[in-house]
Structures are given as structure tokens and as C-alpha cells.
Amino acid sequence: MNKEIVLVTKHGKERAVRRPFWIGLGMQTVCKTDFDTDLLGTFSGEIERADSPLNTCIRKASVGLEAGCSSALANEGSFGPHPYLPFVAADFEMMAYVDCEGNRVVEQLLAYRTNYGHLDLKSKLEEVELQAWLERVRFPSHALILKVLSGDEIVFLEKGINSASQLRNSLALAARQRGQLRLETDMRAHCNPTRMGVIGRLAVKLVRRLLCQCPSCLAPGFGLEGQQPGLPCSLCGNATDLALFEIFACPRCGKEERRPRADGLKKASPGDCQFCNP
């Protein structure tokens, strides 16, 4: 691998990426900040993401190659309900590596540790309710977004609110507008230390994957791509929806290998069986 990699970001993500890539791969991270990644979509909603998170992430990384660099890196995050834990918010992060030799490796991480949330400000909102929400979302160490919504239109927007005085001034300005006042967590990485930590964990995961060569074509990035369901129930023996095998694959040549579960689990609990627990 080349000793230099370009990270396409305008939100300080090099703070999370630089160390894993240097220690793991000996690669120096160089930032490309002159590309406005907000054009591909914003968390605040004034620019909708037009493509999927995967395609958006790869598009960002490809910008580094278009500038003449030999390898590049980008990250894309999404937030919403956790797919498995009811009433829990989740942070779904992707990180893409691309290089001039045609390699394209994408790693993902689903994290439940996030302060993601919003609060609609009502005329009768109690100060104690507001303070409780601010504490829950870790303000002011984690910044906020304040917007005024008139239907689906954003008529007022301020990002990066990170002090009590700034919040008071912003609320006073927003109150002059007609519409629904809403406070949201600012999920941009440089405004959200919790998300920055998740990105750092994902960078480590991607580095480890890049260190794994395909046994067939020797391209970097041979790793876990999916699961094959069918783990048998410990009571009735029928197949469940839980993974029986893990599927490892090469993103370059497509070679696949089925491997036993990494956790060594051989049988599923009857509670996960559609026959024993319909």
C-alpha cells in the first residue's frame, strides 16, 4: 500500500482516523477539505441525501482519487431507531477505502451509544424539561442544531450551538419566526465527541480488514460480508433465523468462504425458534 492516504472530510474526522491508519498500516492521513461534502446531504435536513449511504460514502472517497491521489478514504453516518433494540437510537457508520488499483473496501459499524435525538419546543415547555433533555444529550460538550419549521420548510437554522449563552441568543432569534421550534443534536463529527469515538472504532475495524488479503487474488479487504441463517434449535432441532455460518468474501474477485460462527455457538435458544416460540 502507498504510505499516504487522503481522507475526504470537512468535519475533522482525521482526529479519529489518523492514529489507526498510521499504527496499523503505516499510512499518513492527509485531509482533503476543499470538497464540500455537505452537497451530498446534511444531517440538518436542508440538503437531502440523494443516494444511498453506501454510494454516497464511495462517492466521497472517489473524490480523493479524482484529485490524483493513489488511495482515499471517506465516512458516512446515518441515525435512527436501532434495528434490534426497541426504543433505542442507533448510529450506523460506513467507511470506504478506494485506491488507483481498483480496490474498494467498505466496512460498517452499528453502535447504540449515541446522543441522537430532538425536542420540539412548546409554549408551555417547562424549564426543568428542557434542562433534563439538554443533560441527556450531553450539551454543551455535544453541540445542538436549532431550526424553525413551517410545514416541511426550514425557515430558521443554526448549527454548532455549544454554549448556554449561544443557545439563549439563538432561541431568542428563532422565537421571532413563525413555525415550530425544534432542537436537534448536531451529529457532525467535529460537534459530536460520541460519534467521533464510533468513527475511530470503525477506522480500527477497517484497518484490520485491509490487512487481510484475499487467498485467491491477494487483494486487501477479505472479510465478513454476511451470514447464512439456519442455526438449529437446541430443543426441537429445526433451523432458526440465527446465523449458522459467517460468509467471508473478497470485494475485488468475489471469492467466498463459509466459516463457523466466531462466537462458537452451535445451538439456538428455543426462544429464538419459530416452532418452539411462535
Protein backbone atom coordinates (compact mmCIF):
# COMPACT_ATOMS: atom_id res chain seq x y z
CA MET A 1 0.00 0.00 0.00
CA ASN A 2 1.02 3.60 -0.59
CA LYS A 3 2.29 5.37 2.54
CA GLU A 4 -0.18 8.23 2.16
CA ILE A 5 -3.97 8.15 2.17
CA VAL A 6 -6.37 11.03 1.56
CA LEU A 7 -9.35 11.45 3.86
CA VAL A 8 -12.19 13.41 2.25
CA THR A 9 -13.80 15.38 5.10
CA LYS A 10 -14.66 18.88 6.25
CA HIS A 11 -15.61 17.86 9.80
CA GLY A 12 -12.31 16.94 11.44
CA LYS A 13 -12.60 13.18 11.12
CA GLU A 14 -8.83 12.89 10.81
CA ARG A 15 -8.76 13.05 14.62
CA ALA A 16 -10.39 9.59 14.67
CA VAL A 17 -8.74 8.10 11.58
CA ARG A 18 -5.11 9.21 11.67
CA ARG A 19 -3.87 7.03 14.53
CA PRO A 20 -5.38 3.66 13.41
CA PHE A 21 -4.10 4.05 9.86
CA TRP A 22 -0.64 5.06 10.99
CA ILE A 23 -0.23 2.33 13.61
CA GLY A 24 -1.95 -0.42 11.61
CA LEU A 25 -0.80 0.30 8.06
CA GLY A 26 1.98 2.88 8.37
CA MET A 27 -0.12 5.26 6.27
CA GLN A 28 -0.08 9.01 6.82
CA THR A 29 -3.55 10.58 6.63
CA VAL A 30 -3.80 13.73 4.53
CA CYS A 31 -7.08 15.65 4.56
CA LYS A 32 -8.91 16.92 1.52
CA THR A 33 -11.19 19.68 2.81
CA ASP A 34 -11.85 21.69 -0.34
CA PHE A 35 -14.68 19.37 -1.44
CA ASP A 36 -17.98 20.38 0.15
CA THR A 37 -19.28 17.04 1.42
CA ASP A 38 -22.48 18.80 2.54
CA LEU A 39 -23.51 18.87 -1.12
CA LEU A 40 -24.15 15.12 -0.83
CA GLY A 41 -26.53 15.58 2.11
CA THR A 42 -26.68 17.14 5.58
CA PHE A 43 -27.89 15.90 8.96
CA SER A 44 -29.74 19.18 9.48
CA GLY A 45 -32.02 18.47 6.53
CA GLU A 46 -31.52 21.49 4.30
CA ILE A 47 -29.87 19.21 1.71
CA GLU A 48 -31.35 15.73 1.43
CA ARG A 49 -29.05 12.81 0.68
CA ALA A 50 -29.96 11.86 -2.87
CA ASP A 51 -28.24 8.47 -2.93
CA SER A 52 -27.83 5.52 -0.57
CA PRO A 53 -25.35 5.80 2.33
CA LEU A 54 -23.11 3.22 0.62
CA ASN A 55 -22.99 5.02 -2.73
CA THR A 56 -22.57 8.38 -1.02
CA CYS A 57 -19.63 7.07 1.01
CA ILE A 58 -17.91 5.62 -2.06
CA ARG A 59 -18.57 8.85 -3.98
CA LYS A 60 -16.86 10.86 -1.24
CA ALA A 61 -13.83 8.57 -1.22
CA SER A 62 -13.59 8.66 -5.02
CA VAL A 63 -13.18 12.44 -4.86
CA GLY A 64 -9.72 11.81 -3.41
CA LEU A 65 -8.76 9.67 -6.40
CA GLU A 66 -10.10 12.26 -8.80
CA ALA A 67 -7.58 14.70 -7.33
CA GLY A 68 -4.76 12.39 -8.42
CA CYS A 69 -4.17 10.56 -5.14
CA SER A 70 -3.39 6.83 -5.13
CA SER A 71 -5.66 5.91 -2.19
CA ALA A 72 -8.51 7.64 -0.42
CA LEU A 73 -10.94 7.25 2.43
CA ALA A 74 -14.36 8.59 3.42
CA ASN A 75 -17.05 8.06 6.04
CA GLU A 76 -20.83 8.34 6.03
CA GLY A 77 -23.18 8.08 9.00
CA SER A 78 -26.92 7.53 9.44
CA PHE A 79 -29.04 7.75 12.58
CA GLY A 80 -32.39 6.34 13.59
CA PRO A 81 -34.09 3.55 15.57
CA HIS A 82 -31.91 0.57 16.45
CA PRO A 83 -32.96 -2.41 14.27
CA TYR A 84 -32.88 -4.88 17.18
CA LEU A 85 -33.31 -2.87 20.40
CA PRO A 86 -36.74 -1.24 20.85
CA PHE A 87 -36.81 2.45 21.84
CA VAL A 88 -33.03 2.76 21.39
CA ALA A 89 -31.39 5.11 18.89
CA ALA A 90 -28.52 3.83 16.76
CA ASP A 91 -25.56 5.20 14.85
CA PHE A 92 -24.86 3.32 11.61
CA GLU A 93 -21.45 4.21 10.19
CA MET A 94 -19.75 3.25 6.94
CA MET A 95 -16.15 3.82 5.90
CA ALA A 96 -14.90 3.28 2.36
CA TYR A 97 -11.34 2.72 1.14
CA VAL A 98 -10.59 3.10 -2.58
CA ASP A 99 -7.32 3.11 -4.50
CA CYS A 100 -5.99 3.56 -8.02
CA GLU A 101 -5.55 -0.20 -8.45
CA GLY A 102 -9.33 -0.68 -8.38
CA ASN A 103 -9.65 -1.92 -4.82
CA ARG A 104 -12.78 -0.84 -2.97
CA VAL A 105 -13.28 -1.97 0.61
CA VAL A 106 -16.22 -0.90 2.76
CA GLU A 107 -16.56 -1.62 6.47
CA GLN A 108 -19.60 -0.93 8.67
CA LEU A 109 -20.38 -0.48 12.34
CA LEU A 110 -23.72 -0.31 14.16
CA ALA A 111 -23.46 1.47 17.52
CA TYR A 112 -26.12 2.03 20.15
CA ARG A 113 -24.02 4.60 22.00
CA THR A 114 -25.27 7.85 20.54
CA ASN A 115 -26.92 11.02 21.82
CA TYR A 116 -29.09 11.29 18.70
CA GLY A 117 -32.45 12.95 19.41
CA HIS A 118 -34.62 16.03 19.10
CA LEU A 119 -37.01 18.12 21.19
CA ASP A 120 -39.92 20.18 19.88
CA LEU A 121 -40.17 23.36 21.91
CA LYS A 122 -43.71 24.06 23.03
CA SER A 123 -45.03 27.30 24.50
CA LYS A 124 -45.71 25.57 27.83
CA LEU A 125 -42.41 23.68 27.92
CA GLU A 126 -41.11 23.65 31.47
CA GLU A 127 -37.53 24.78 32.06
CA VAL A 128 -36.86 21.59 34.01
CA GLU A 129 -37.95 19.52 30.99
CA LEU A 130 -35.60 21.44 28.71
CA GLN A 131 -32.69 21.09 31.12
CA ALA A 132 -33.32 17.37 31.50
CA TRP A 133 -33.20 16.93 27.72
CA LEU A 134 -30.04 19.05 27.41
CA GLU A 135 -28.36 16.91 30.04
CA ARG A 136 -29.47 13.71 28.34
CA VAL A 137 -27.94 14.74 25.00
CA ARG A 138 -24.74 15.89 26.77
CA PHE A 139 -24.96 19.57 25.96
CA PRO A 140 -22.73 21.61 25.79
CA SER A 141 -19.93 19.07 25.13
CA HIS A 142 -22.12 17.85 22.26
CA ALA A 143 -23.44 20.66 20.07
CA LEU A 144 -27.02 21.32 19.00
CA ILE A 145 -28.94 22.46 15.96
CA LEU A 146 -31.87 24.86 16.29
CA LYS A 147 -34.38 25.13 13.49
CA VAL A 148 -37.81 26.61 12.89
CA LEU A 149 -40.11 24.53 10.70
CA SER A 150 -43.01 25.88 8.72
CA GLY A 151 -44.56 22.71 7.37
CA ASP A 152 -41.69 20.93 5.61
CA GLU A 153 -39.75 24.16 5.06
CA ILE A 154 -36.85 25.23 7.28
CA VAL A 155 -37.24 28.98 7.89
CA PHE A 156 -34.51 29.31 10.51
CA LEU A 157 -31.40 27.20 11.06
CA GLU A 158 -28.37 27.47 13.30
CA LYS A 159 -25.80 24.72 13.73
CA GLY A 160 -22.99 24.10 16.17
CA ILE A 161 -24.60 25.60 19.26
CA ASN A 162 -22.20 24.68 22.08
CA SER A 163 -22.77 27.08 24.96
CA ALA A 164 -25.67 28.14 27.16
CA SER A 165 -25.34 31.79 26.10
CA GLN A 166 -25.33 30.87 22.41
CA LEU A 167 -28.40 28.71 22.94
CA ARG A 168 -30.28 31.54 24.70
CA ASN A 169 -29.43 34.02 21.92
CA SER A 170 -30.40 31.53 19.22
CA LEU A 171 -33.72 30.77 20.90
CA ALA A 172 -34.48 34.49 21.09
CA LEU A 173 -33.81 34.90 17.36
CA ALA A 174 -35.77 31.79 16.43
CA ALA A 175 -38.77 32.87 18.51
CA ARG A 176 -39.30 35.81 16.13
CA GLN A 177 -40.05 33.35 13.32
CA ARG A 178 -43.39 31.69 12.73
CA GLY A 179 -43.28 27.94 12.97
CA GLN A 180 -42.28 25.02 15.15
CA LEU A 181 -39.04 25.44 17.09
CA ARG A 182 -37.02 22.24 17.24
CA LEU A 183 -33.75 21.43 18.95
CA GLU A 184 -31.73 18.61 17.43
CA THR A 185 -28.44 17.01 18.28
CA ASP A 186 -25.69 18.12 15.88
CA MET A 187 -24.41 14.83 14.53
CA ARG A 188 -21.50 16.26 12.55
CA ALA A 189 -18.36 14.53 13.79
CA HIS A 190 -16.49 17.64 14.92
CA CYS A 191 -19.52 18.65 17.01
CA ASN A 192 -20.20 15.24 18.50
CA PRO A 193 -17.45 13.50 20.53
CA THR A 194 -19.52 10.33 20.92
CA ARG A 195 -19.85 9.92 17.17
CA MET A 196 -16.16 10.73 16.72
CA GLY A 197 -15.38 7.81 19.03
CA VAL A 198 -17.55 5.48 16.93
CA ILE A 199 -15.73 6.60 13.78
CA GLY A 200 -12.44 5.80 15.49
CA ARG A 201 -13.65 2.27 16.28
CA LEU A 202 -14.75 1.85 12.68
CA ALA A 203 -11.35 3.02 11.42
CA VAL A 204 -9.69 0.30 13.51
CA LYS A 205 -12.12 -2.26 12.07
CA LEU A 206 -11.38 -1.14 8.50
CA VAL A 207 -7.61 -1.23 9.07
CA ARG A 208 -7.86 -4.80 10.35
CA ARG A 209 -9.83 -5.76 7.27
CA LEU A 210 -7.36 -4.12 4.90
CA LEU A 211 -4.61 -6.22 6.50
CA CYS A 212 -6.46 -9.40 5.39
CA GLN A 213 -5.54 -10.44 1.86
CA CYS A 214 -7.80 -12.49 -0.35
CA PRO A 215 -6.46 -16.09 -0.52
CA SER A 216 -7.20 -16.13 -4.24
CA CYS A 217 -6.25 -12.75 -5.76
CA LEU A 218 -4.28 -11.29 -2.81
CA ALA A 219 -6.28 -8.05 -2.85
CA PRO A 220 -6.75 -6.31 0.51
CA GLY A 221 -10.06 -6.45 2.33
CA PHE A 222 -11.05 -10.12 2.59
CA GLY A 223 -13.61 -10.10 5.39
CA LEU A 224 -17.07 -10.68 6.76
CA GLU A 225 -19.78 -9.84 4.23
CA GLY A 226 -22.85 -11.64 5.54
CA GLN A 227 -24.34 -14.58 7.36
CA GLN A 228 -26.12 -17.80 6.40
CA PRO A 229 -29.09 -18.48 8.68
CA GLY A 230 -30.06 -21.92 9.93
CA LEU A 231 -28.62 -22.39 13.43
CA PRO A 232 -30.56 -25.40 14.82
CA CYS A 233 -32.80 -25.06 17.86
CA SER A 234 -31.40 -26.78 20.96
CA LEU A 235 -34.85 -28.19 21.79
CA CYS A 236 -36.50 -29.30 18.53
CA GLY A 237 -33.57 -29.22 16.11
CA ASN A 238 -35.32 -27.11 13.48
CA ALA A 239 -33.42 -24.35 11.70
CA THR A 240 -33.79 -20.83 13.09
CA ASP A 241 -33.14 -17.42 11.56
CA LEU A 242 -29.91 -17.11 13.54
CA ALA A 243 -26.62 -17.43 11.66
CA LEU A 244 -25.26 -20.93 11.13
CA PHE A 245 -22.22 -19.74 9.15
CA GLU A 246 -20.44 -16.45 8.55
CA ILE A 247 -19.68 -15.59 4.93
CA PHE A 248 -16.29 -14.05 4.19
CA ALA A 249 -15.69 -12.57 0.77
CA CYS A 250 -13.24 -10.61 -1.36
CA PRO A 251 -14.57 -7.26 -2.63
CA ARG A 252 -12.21 -7.50 -5.64
CA CYS A 253 -12.66 -11.00 -7.12
CA GLY A 254 -15.75 -12.18 -5.25
CA LYS A 255 -14.22 -15.32 -3.72
CA GLU A 256 -16.34 -16.55 -0.77
CA GLU A 257 -15.74 -18.78 2.22
CA ARG A 258 -18.24 -20.10 4.75
CA ARG A 259 -16.86 -20.19 8.27
CA PRO A 260 -18.33 -21.28 11.62
CA ARG A 261 -19.66 -18.52 13.85
CA ALA A 262 -16.88 -16.60 15.58
CA ASP A 263 -18.65 -16.94 18.95
CA GLY A 264 -18.65 -20.74 18.69
CA LEU A 265 -22.42 -21.02 19.22
CA LYS A 266 -23.69 -24.41 17.97
CA LYS A 267 -27.35 -24.33 19.05
CA ALA A 268 -30.02 -21.66 19.26
CA SER A 269 -32.19 -20.98 22.28
CA PRO A 270 -35.81 -22.22 21.97
CA GLY A 271 -36.82 -18.58 22.48
CA ASP A 272 -35.32 -17.81 19.05
CA CYS A 273 -37.12 -20.72 17.37
CA GLN A 274 -40.29 -20.03 15.39
CA PHE A 275 -41.57 -23.54 16.16
CA CYS A 276 -40.90 -23.57 19.93
CA ASN A 277 -41.73 -19.88 20.35
CA PRO A 278 -44.16 -18.98 17.55
